[in-house]
Amino acid sequence: MPSANDKALLVPVGGGDPIPLVRARMTLGRRESCDICLRFPNVSGQHCEVSCQDGMWYIRDLGSTNGIKVNGERVQQKLLRPGDEIGIAKRRFTIQYVLPVGRNFIAEDEDLRQSLLEKAGLQRPAPTRKYDDE
């Protein structure tokens, strides 16, 4: 688990030193200018970004060539749950952080609130229906 000074940890699958996520927004990639430099040929210069919003961690692809995966599924951006496996090119990590008290992933996860057609911009969100008590 992260220490009191760390917001979260990326733990390499298969072993290696955990990477502390000490700021609310950090970039990962092959470039030295990234917050977390991953010196592997299949990692893009600026591969992805992890960010913390209201105690919940998110990942976002920054236009990488080889993409990112969460629990084996390729994503552009995703809310991360503690213990999720993140794939950055061919490298895999799990994220560890303490879930904020009272947070509900189902209500927070935008992926569950939009249909695939809405996400692609091909359909407008369905209007919310109000029911009369009469």
Protein backbone atom coordinates (compact mmCIF):
# COMPACT_ATOMS: atom_id res chain seq x y z
CA MET A 1 0.00 0.00 0.00
CA PRO A 2 1.11 3.58 -0.55
CA SER A 3 2.80 5.34 2.36
CA ALA A 4 1.25 8.41 3.94
CA ASN A 5 3.38 10.62 1.66
CA ASP A 6 2.41 8.83 -1.57
CA LYS A 7 -0.90 9.36 -3.32
CA ALA A 8 -0.69 5.99 -5.08
CA LEU A 9 1.74 3.38 -6.39
CA LEU A 10 2.27 1.75 -9.77
CA VAL A 11 3.60 -1.73 -9.01
CA PRO A 12 5.32 -3.59 -11.87
CA VAL A 13 3.69 -6.97 -12.55
CA GLY A 14 6.34 -9.66 -12.18
CA GLY A 15 8.52 -7.64 -9.83
CA GLY A 16 10.43 -4.42 -9.64
CA ASP A 17 10.39 -1.26 -7.59
CA PRO A 18 7.00 0.40 -7.09
CA ILE A 19 6.65 3.83 -8.69
CA PRO A 20 5.08 6.41 -6.35
CA LEU A 21 2.49 8.73 -7.86
CA VAL A 22 3.27 11.77 -5.75
CA ARG A 23 1.46 14.46 -7.74
CA ALA A 24 -2.14 14.74 -8.88
CA ARG A 25 -1.15 14.65 -12.59
CA MET A 26 1.84 12.77 -14.00
CA THR A 27 2.94 11.86 -17.53
CA LEU A 28 4.52 8.53 -18.46
CA GLY A 29 6.62 7.94 -21.54
CA ARG A 30 10.04 7.44 -23.06
CA ARG A 31 11.03 11.14 -23.03
CA GLU A 32 13.23 12.42 -20.21
CA SER A 33 10.74 15.29 -19.77
CA CYS A 34 8.03 12.85 -18.59
CA ASP A 35 7.36 12.59 -14.86
CA ILE A 36 7.89 8.82 -15.12
CA CYS A 37 10.40 7.84 -17.78
CA LEU A 38 9.92 4.32 -19.20
CA ARG A 39 12.94 3.66 -21.40
CA PHE A 40 11.56 0.94 -23.66
CA PRO A 41 11.38 1.11 -27.48
CA ASN A 42 7.65 0.28 -27.64
CA VAL A 43 6.73 3.13 -25.25
CA SER A 44 5.86 6.43 -26.96
CA GLY A 45 7.65 9.67 -26.11
CA GLN A 46 4.61 10.86 -24.16
CA HIS A 47 2.56 7.71 -23.79
CA CYS A 48 -0.12 8.42 -21.18
CA GLU A 49 -1.11 10.47 -18.17
CA VAL A 50 -2.41 9.42 -14.78
CA SER A 51 -4.36 11.92 -12.71
CA CYS A 52 -6.14 12.04 -9.40
CA GLN A 53 -9.50 13.81 -9.14
CA ASP A 54 -11.37 13.81 -5.84
CA GLY A 55 -9.29 10.89 -4.61
CA MET A 56 -10.02 8.73 -7.68
CA TRP A 57 -7.26 7.87 -10.18
CA TYR A 58 -7.72 8.03 -13.96
CA ILE A 59 -5.52 7.12 -16.92
CA ARG A 60 -5.58 8.77 -20.37
CA ASP A 61 -3.73 7.83 -23.55
CA LEU A 62 -1.79 10.75 -25.02
CA GLY A 63 -1.94 9.49 -28.62
CA SER A 64 0.55 6.68 -28.13
CA THR A 65 1.37 4.22 -30.90
CA ASN A 66 0.88 1.05 -28.84
CA GLY A 67 -1.94 2.26 -26.59
CA ILE A 68 -2.91 1.55 -23.01
CA LYS A 69 -4.98 -1.24 -21.51
CA VAL A 70 -6.86 -1.56 -18.25
CA ASN A 71 -7.48 -5.14 -17.16
CA GLY A 72 -6.66 -6.33 -20.70
CA GLU A 73 -9.06 -3.94 -22.49
CA ARG A 74 -7.66 -1.17 -24.69
CA VAL A 75 -8.95 2.22 -23.56
CA GLN A 76 -8.46 5.90 -24.35
CA GLN A 77 -9.22 6.94 -20.79
CA LYS A 78 -10.53 5.12 -17.78
CA LEU A 79 -11.29 5.43 -14.10
CA LEU A 80 -8.87 3.15 -12.24
CA ARG A 81 -9.95 1.03 -9.32
CA PRO A 82 -7.40 -0.03 -6.68
CA GLY A 83 -5.75 -3.23 -7.96
CA ASP A 84 -6.53 -2.63 -11.66
CA GLU A 85 -3.87 -3.84 -14.07
CA ILE A 86 -2.54 -1.18 -16.44
CA GLY A 87 -0.81 -2.12 -19.69
CA ILE A 88 1.51 0.52 -21.15
CA ALA A 89 2.77 -0.90 -24.45
CA LYS A 90 4.10 -4.31 -23.30
CA ARG A 91 4.72 -3.24 -19.66
CA ARG A 92 2.17 -4.07 -16.97
CA PHE A 93 1.54 -2.45 -13.60
CA THR A 94 -1.11 -2.61 -10.91
CA ILE A 95 -2.28 0.59 -9.27
CA GLN A 96 -2.56 0.71 -5.51
CA TYR A 97 -4.28 3.50 -3.66
CA VAL A 98 -6.69 3.94 -0.81
CA LEU A 99 -10.25 4.37 -1.99
CA PRO A 100 -11.85 7.54 -0.60
CA VAL A 101 -14.55 6.88 1.98
CA GLY A 102 -18.05 7.04 0.55
CA ARG A 103 -17.06 6.90 -3.13
CA ASN A 104 -19.08 4.69 -5.45
CA PHE A 105 -17.36 3.48 -8.61
CA ILE A 106 -20.57 2.74 -10.46
CA ALA A 107 -21.80 6.32 -10.07
CA GLU A 108 -18.32 7.69 -10.86
CA ASP A 109 -17.45 5.56 -13.88
CA GLU A 110 -18.32 7.54 -17.01
CA ASP A 111 -17.95 4.41 -19.15
CA LEU A 112 -21.13 3.02 -17.59
CA ARG A 113 -23.15 6.19 -18.08
CA GLN A 114 -22.79 6.47 -21.86
CA SER A 115 -23.66 4.07 -24.64
CA LEU A 116 -20.99 3.29 -27.23
CA LEU A 117 -22.89 5.38 -29.79
CA GLU A 118 -22.91 8.35 -27.39
CA LYS A 119 -19.17 7.97 -26.77
CA ALA A 120 -18.53 7.97 -30.52
CA GLY A 121 -20.67 11.09 -30.97
CA LEU A 122 -23.20 9.26 -33.15
CA GLN A 123 -26.13 9.54 -30.76
CA ARG A 124 -27.37 12.18 -28.36
CA PRO A 125 -27.73 11.22 -24.71
CA ALA A 126 -31.19 9.96 -23.85
CA PRO A 127 -33.26 12.59 -22.04
CA THR A 128 -33.97 11.91 -18.41
CA ARG A 129 -37.62 11.07 -17.86
CA LYS A 130 -39.71 12.55 -15.12
CA TYR A 131 -42.70 10.63 -13.90
CA ASP A 132 -45.79 12.25 -12.49
CA ASP A 133 -47.18 10.93 -9.24
CA GLU A 134 -50.71 11.57 -10.44
